[in-house]
């Protein structure tokens, strides 16, 4: 029989891992969120949901980076690159903080390619 404290520890660990999954996008782009998602996709958990959301956001950022690189030939891409980097950093941190508080976070402007 599980006591309430055991389930609270499990939920807290899942929240911590979910927050780290959101933060991992800063250094690994989509690699760590993809690995976590593939390992947790069959489980209906906080971690699987956070990994899916982080993966969708990182894919959206990758598309934006490719667009900015393509637009660099007409010089507007050089203006977009710092904005994309700041946007990615800020929203990864916001997502991690919200997830650590136990909230489910949805990134703004993220394409929902993985459902």
N, C-alpha and C. Protein backbone atom coordinates (compact mmCIF):
# COMPACT_ATOMS: atom_id res chain seq x y z
N UNK A 1 0.84 -1.17 0.00
CA UNK A 1 0.00 0.00 0.00
C UNK A 1 0.89 1.24 0.00
N UNK A 2 0.59 2.18 -0.88
CA UNK A 2 1.37 3.42 -0.97
C UNK A 2 0.82 4.45 0.00
N UNK A 3 1.71 5.09 0.67
CA UNK A 3 1.29 6.18 1.54
C UNK A 3 1.25 7.46 0.73
N UNK A 4 0.56 8.49 1.19
CA UNK A 4 0.50 9.75 0.45
C UNK A 4 1.88 10.37 0.25
N UNK A 5 2.80 10.16 1.18
CA UNK A 5 4.13 10.74 1.04
C UNK A 5 4.90 10.12 -0.11
N UNK A 6 4.71 8.82 -0.36
CA UNK A 6 5.40 8.16 -1.46
C UNK A 6 4.95 8.72 -2.80
N UNK A 7 3.66 8.89 -2.99
CA UNK A 7 3.16 9.44 -4.26
C UNK A 7 3.57 10.90 -4.42
N UNK A 8 3.67 11.64 -3.33
CA UNK A 8 4.11 13.03 -3.40
C UNK A 8 5.57 13.10 -3.85
N UNK A 9 6.40 12.17 -3.37
CA UNK A 9 7.80 12.14 -3.78
C UNK A 9 7.92 11.77 -5.25
N UNK A 10 7.12 10.81 -5.71
CA UNK A 10 7.15 10.41 -7.11
C UNK A 10 6.71 11.57 -7.99
N UNK A 11 5.64 12.26 -7.62
CA UNK A 11 5.18 13.40 -8.40
C UNK A 11 6.22 14.52 -8.41
N UNK A 12 6.85 14.73 -7.27
CA UNK A 12 7.86 15.78 -7.18
C UNK A 12 9.07 15.44 -8.06
N UNK A 13 9.47 14.17 -8.05
CA UNK A 13 10.57 13.75 -8.92
C UNK A 13 10.20 13.92 -10.39
N UNK A 14 8.98 13.57 -10.75
CA UNK A 14 8.53 13.72 -12.13
C UNK A 14 8.53 15.20 -12.53
N UNK A 15 8.10 16.07 -11.62
CA UNK A 15 8.10 17.50 -11.91
C UNK A 15 9.53 18.01 -12.10
N UNK A 16 10.45 17.55 -11.27
CA UNK A 16 11.84 17.97 -11.40
C UNK A 16 12.43 17.51 -12.72
N UNK A 17 12.19 16.24 -13.07
CA UNK A 17 12.70 15.73 -14.34
C UNK A 17 12.05 16.46 -15.53
N UNK A 18 10.78 16.78 -15.40
CA UNK A 18 10.09 17.52 -16.47
C UNK A 18 10.69 18.91 -16.63
N UNK A 19 10.99 19.57 -15.52
CA UNK A 19 11.61 20.90 -15.58
C UNK A 19 12.99 20.81 -16.23
N UNK A 20 13.75 19.78 -15.88
CA UNK A 20 15.07 19.59 -16.49
C UNK A 20 14.95 19.28 -17.98
N UNK A 21 13.89 18.60 -18.37
CA UNK A 21 13.67 18.32 -19.80
C UNK A 21 13.44 19.63 -20.56
N UNK A 22 12.66 20.54 -19.97
CA UNK A 22 12.46 21.84 -20.62
C UNK A 22 13.78 22.60 -20.72
N UNK A 23 14.58 22.59 -19.66
CA UNK A 23 15.85 23.31 -19.67
C UNK A 23 16.87 22.67 -20.60
N UNK A 24 16.78 21.38 -20.82
CA UNK A 24 17.75 20.69 -21.66
C UNK A 24 17.72 21.19 -23.10
N UNK A 25 16.62 21.76 -23.52
CA UNK A 25 16.53 22.30 -24.86
C UNK A 25 17.50 23.44 -25.11
N UNK A 26 17.93 24.10 -24.05
CA UNK A 26 18.86 25.22 -24.19
C UNK A 26 20.21 24.73 -24.70
N UNK A 27 20.65 23.56 -24.23
CA UNK A 27 21.98 23.08 -24.61
C UNK A 27 21.97 21.95 -25.63
N UNK A 28 20.87 21.19 -25.68
CA UNK A 28 20.86 20.03 -26.59
C UNK A 28 19.84 20.15 -27.71
N UNK A 29 19.21 21.30 -27.80
CA UNK A 29 18.14 21.53 -28.78
C UNK A 29 17.06 20.46 -28.60
N UNK A 30 16.83 19.61 -29.57
CA UNK A 30 15.73 18.65 -29.47
C UNK A 30 16.18 17.25 -29.04
N UNK A 31 17.46 17.01 -28.84
CA UNK A 31 17.97 15.66 -28.59
C UNK A 31 17.45 15.08 -27.27
N UNK A 32 17.67 15.76 -26.16
CA UNK A 32 17.23 15.22 -24.86
C UNK A 32 15.71 15.17 -24.77
N UNK A 33 14.96 16.22 -25.17
CA UNK A 33 13.51 16.06 -25.16
C UNK A 33 13.02 14.88 -26.01
N UNK A 34 13.69 14.62 -27.14
CA UNK A 34 13.31 13.48 -27.98
C UNK A 34 13.56 12.16 -27.26
N UNK A 35 14.72 12.01 -26.63
CA UNK A 35 15.03 10.77 -25.91
C UNK A 35 14.06 10.56 -24.77
N UNK A 36 13.78 11.60 -24.00
CA UNK A 36 12.84 11.48 -22.88
C UNK A 36 11.45 11.14 -23.41
N UNK A 37 11.04 11.78 -24.48
CA UNK A 37 9.72 11.50 -25.05
C UNK A 37 9.62 10.05 -25.52
N UNK A 38 10.64 9.56 -26.21
CA UNK A 38 10.61 8.18 -26.69
C UNK A 38 10.58 7.18 -25.54
N UNK A 39 11.24 7.51 -24.45
CA UNK A 39 11.25 6.60 -23.29
C UNK A 39 9.95 6.67 -22.49
N UNK A 40 9.26 7.80 -22.52
CA UNK A 40 8.09 8.00 -21.68
C UNK A 40 6.77 8.08 -22.44
N UNK A 41 6.79 7.95 -23.76
CA UNK A 41 5.58 8.20 -24.55
C UNK A 41 4.43 7.26 -24.24
N UNK A 42 4.71 6.04 -23.84
CA UNK A 42 3.64 5.09 -23.54
C UNK A 42 3.03 5.31 -22.17
N UNK A 43 3.68 6.13 -21.38
CA UNK A 43 3.20 6.41 -20.04
C UNK A 43 2.45 7.74 -20.05
N UNK A 44 1.34 7.77 -19.39
CA UNK A 44 0.59 9.02 -19.29
C UNK A 44 1.09 9.74 -18.04
N UNK A 45 2.19 10.45 -18.18
CA UNK A 45 2.78 11.07 -17.02
C UNK A 45 3.09 12.54 -17.28
N UNK A 46 3.45 13.19 -16.22
CA UNK A 46 3.87 14.59 -16.30
C UNK A 46 5.12 14.69 -17.17
N UNK A 47 6.02 13.75 -17.02
CA UNK A 47 7.28 13.78 -17.76
C UNK A 47 7.05 13.59 -19.27
N UNK A 48 6.18 12.67 -19.65
CA UNK A 48 5.90 12.45 -21.07
C UNK A 48 5.26 13.69 -21.70
N UNK A 49 4.35 14.33 -20.97
CA UNK A 49 3.70 15.53 -21.48
C UNK A 49 4.70 16.68 -21.63
N UNK A 50 5.57 16.85 -20.64
CA UNK A 50 6.58 17.92 -20.71
C UNK A 50 7.56 17.66 -21.84
N UNK A 51 7.97 16.40 -22.01
CA UNK A 51 8.91 16.07 -23.09
C UNK A 51 8.28 16.33 -24.45
N UNK A 52 7.02 15.98 -24.61
CA UNK A 52 6.31 16.23 -25.88
C UNK A 52 6.24 17.73 -26.16
N UNK A 53 5.90 18.49 -25.15
CA UNK A 53 5.79 19.93 -25.33
C UNK A 53 7.16 20.56 -25.63
N UNK A 54 8.20 20.13 -24.92
CA UNK A 54 9.55 20.65 -25.16
C UNK A 54 10.03 20.26 -26.56
N UNK A 55 9.73 19.05 -26.98
CA UNK A 55 10.12 18.59 -28.30
C UNK A 55 9.44 19.41 -29.39
N UNK A 56 8.15 19.66 -29.25
CA UNK A 56 7.43 20.48 -30.22
C UNK A 56 8.03 21.89 -30.29
N UNK A 57 8.37 22.44 -29.14
CA UNK A 57 8.95 23.79 -29.12
C UNK A 57 10.32 23.81 -29.78
N UNK A 58 11.14 22.82 -29.51
CA UNK A 58 12.47 22.77 -30.10
C UNK A 58 12.42 22.55 -31.61
N UNK A 59 11.46 21.78 -32.08
CA UNK A 59 11.27 21.61 -33.53
C UNK A 59 10.85 22.93 -34.15
N UNK A 60 9.95 23.65 -33.47
CA UNK A 60 9.52 24.97 -33.96
C UNK A 60 10.70 25.93 -34.03
N UNK A 61 11.56 25.91 -33.00
CA UNK A 61 12.75 26.77 -33.02
C UNK A 61 13.70 26.38 -34.15
N UNK A 62 13.85 25.08 -34.40
CA UNK A 62 14.73 24.63 -35.49
C UNK A 62 14.21 25.15 -36.84
N UNK A 63 12.91 25.11 -37.03
CA UNK A 63 12.33 25.64 -38.27
C UNK A 63 12.59 27.14 -38.37
N UNK A 64 12.46 27.85 -37.25
CA UNK A 64 12.73 29.29 -37.25
C UNK A 64 14.20 29.58 -37.56
N UNK A 65 15.11 28.76 -37.00
CA UNK A 65 16.54 28.94 -37.28
C UNK A 65 16.84 28.73 -38.77
N UNK A 66 16.25 27.69 -39.37
CA UNK A 66 16.47 27.45 -40.80
C UNK A 66 15.93 28.61 -41.63
N UNK A 67 14.78 29.14 -41.22
CA UNK A 67 14.23 30.30 -41.91
C UNK A 67 15.13 31.52 -41.79
N UNK A 68 15.68 31.73 -40.61
CA UNK A 68 16.58 32.87 -40.39
C UNK A 68 17.87 32.70 -41.18
N UNK A 69 18.38 31.47 -41.24
CA UNK A 69 19.58 31.23 -42.04
C UNK A 69 19.32 31.48 -43.52
N UNK A 70 18.16 31.09 -43.99
CA UNK A 70 17.80 31.34 -45.39
C UNK A 70 17.64 32.83 -45.64
N UNK A 71 17.10 33.53 -44.66
CA UNK A 71 16.89 34.97 -44.82
C UNK A 71 18.17 35.77 -44.59
N UNK A 72 19.21 35.11 -44.13
CA UNK A 72 20.48 35.80 -43.90
C UNK A 72 21.08 36.32 -45.21
N UNK A 73 20.73 35.70 -46.30
CA UNK A 73 21.25 36.16 -47.60
C UNK A 73 20.72 37.55 -47.95
N UNK A 74 19.59 37.93 -47.39
CA UNK A 74 19.07 39.28 -47.62
C UNK A 74 19.19 40.14 -46.35
N UNK A 75 20.05 39.70 -45.45
CA UNK A 75 20.45 40.42 -44.24
C UNK A 75 19.41 40.50 -43.13
N UNK A 76 18.16 40.19 -43.39
CA UNK A 76 17.16 40.24 -42.32
C UNK A 76 17.34 39.06 -41.35
N UNK A 77 17.90 37.98 -41.84
CA UNK A 77 18.12 36.81 -40.99
C UNK A 77 19.06 37.10 -39.85
N UNK A 78 20.03 37.99 -40.07
CA UNK A 78 20.96 38.34 -39.00
C UNK A 78 20.26 39.08 -37.87
N UNK A 79 19.19 39.76 -38.18
CA UNK A 79 18.40 40.43 -37.14
C UNK A 79 17.50 39.43 -36.41
N UNK A 80 17.05 38.40 -37.11
CA UNK A 80 16.16 37.42 -36.51
C UNK A 80 16.88 36.44 -35.58
N UNK A 81 18.13 36.13 -35.88
CA UNK A 81 18.86 35.12 -35.11
C UNK A 81 18.95 35.44 -33.61
N UNK A 82 19.33 36.64 -33.21
CA UNK A 82 19.36 36.92 -31.77
C UNK A 82 17.97 36.87 -31.13
N UNK A 83 16.96 37.29 -31.88
CA UNK A 83 15.60 37.24 -31.35
C UNK A 83 15.14 35.79 -31.12
N UNK A 84 15.47 34.92 -32.04
CA UNK A 84 15.11 33.50 -31.89
C UNK A 84 15.85 32.91 -30.69
N UNK A 85 17.12 33.24 -30.52
CA UNK A 85 17.90 32.71 -29.40
C UNK A 85 17.33 33.19 -28.07
N UNK A 86 17.00 34.46 -27.97
CA UNK A 86 16.43 35.00 -26.73
C UNK A 86 15.06 34.40 -26.47
N UNK A 87 14.24 34.30 -27.50
CA UNK A 87 12.91 33.70 -27.39
C UNK A 87 13.01 32.27 -26.85
N UNK A 88 13.91 31.48 -27.41
CA UNK A 88 14.08 30.10 -26.97
C UNK A 88 14.55 30.01 -25.53
N UNK A 89 15.52 30.81 -25.17
CA UNK A 89 16.05 30.79 -23.81
C UNK A 89 15.01 31.20 -22.79
N UNK A 90 14.33 32.29 -23.05
CA UNK A 90 13.33 32.80 -22.10
C UNK A 90 12.20 31.80 -21.89
N UNK A 91 11.67 31.25 -22.97
CA UNK A 91 10.53 30.36 -22.81
C UNK A 91 10.90 28.99 -22.26
N UNK A 92 12.13 28.53 -22.48
CA UNK A 92 12.58 27.30 -21.82
C UNK A 92 12.65 27.48 -20.31
N UNK A 93 13.14 28.63 -19.88
CA UNK A 93 13.22 28.91 -18.44
C UNK A 93 11.82 29.08 -17.84
N UNK A 94 10.95 29.79 -18.52
CA UNK A 94 9.57 29.97 -18.04
C UNK A 94 8.88 28.61 -17.92
N UNK A 95 9.06 27.75 -18.91
CA UNK A 95 8.45 26.42 -18.89
C UNK A 95 8.99 25.58 -17.73
N UNK A 96 10.29 25.67 -17.50
CA UNK A 96 10.90 24.89 -16.41
C UNK A 96 10.37 25.36 -15.05
N UNK A 97 10.25 26.65 -14.86
CA UNK A 97 9.76 27.18 -13.59
C UNK A 97 8.30 26.79 -13.38
N UNK A 98 7.50 26.91 -14.42
CA UNK A 98 6.08 26.54 -14.29
C UNK A 98 5.91 25.05 -14.01
N UNK A 99 6.69 24.23 -14.68
CA UNK A 99 6.61 22.78 -14.48
C UNK A 99 7.09 22.40 -13.08
N UNK A 100 8.12 23.06 -12.59
CA UNK A 100 8.62 22.78 -11.24
C UNK A 100 7.58 23.14 -10.18
N UNK A 101 6.71 24.10 -10.48
CA UNK A 101 5.62 24.45 -9.56
C UNK A 101 4.44 23.49 -9.66
N UNK A 102 4.51 22.57 -10.61
CA UNK A 102 3.42 21.60 -10.77
C UNK A 102 2.39 21.98 -11.81
N UNK A 103 2.66 23.01 -12.57
CA UNK A 103 1.73 23.45 -13.62
C UNK A 103 2.10 22.79 -14.94
N UNK A 104 1.11 22.58 -15.77
CA UNK A 104 1.35 22.09 -17.13
C UNK A 104 1.56 23.31 -18.01
N UNK A 105 2.69 23.37 -18.72
CA UNK A 105 3.02 24.55 -19.51
C UNK A 105 2.88 24.26 -21.00
N UNK A 106 2.27 25.19 -21.70
CA UNK A 106 2.15 25.12 -23.16
C UNK A 106 2.91 26.31 -23.74
N UNK A 107 3.88 26.03 -24.60
CA UNK A 107 4.67 27.09 -25.22
C UNK A 107 3.81 27.90 -26.19
N UNK A 108 3.97 29.23 -26.18
CA UNK A 108 3.25 30.03 -27.18
C UNK A 108 3.93 29.88 -28.54
N UNK A 109 3.16 29.93 -29.57
CA UNK A 109 3.62 29.88 -30.96
C UNK A 109 4.26 28.55 -31.37
N UNK A 110 4.25 27.54 -30.52
CA UNK A 110 4.87 26.25 -30.86
C UNK A 110 3.93 25.46 -31.77
N UNK A 111 4.49 24.87 -32.80
CA UNK A 111 3.73 23.97 -33.66
C UNK A 111 3.50 22.68 -32.91
N UNK A 112 2.31 22.15 -32.96
CA UNK A 112 1.99 20.88 -32.28
C UNK A 112 2.13 19.75 -33.28
N UNK A 113 3.37 19.40 -33.61
CA UNK A 113 3.65 18.36 -34.59
C UNK A 113 3.60 16.97 -33.97
N UNK A 114 4.03 16.85 -32.72
CA UNK A 114 4.01 15.57 -31.99
C UNK A 114 2.82 15.61 -31.05
N UNK A 115 1.89 14.69 -31.23
CA UNK A 115 0.70 14.69 -30.36
C UNK A 115 0.62 13.44 -29.54
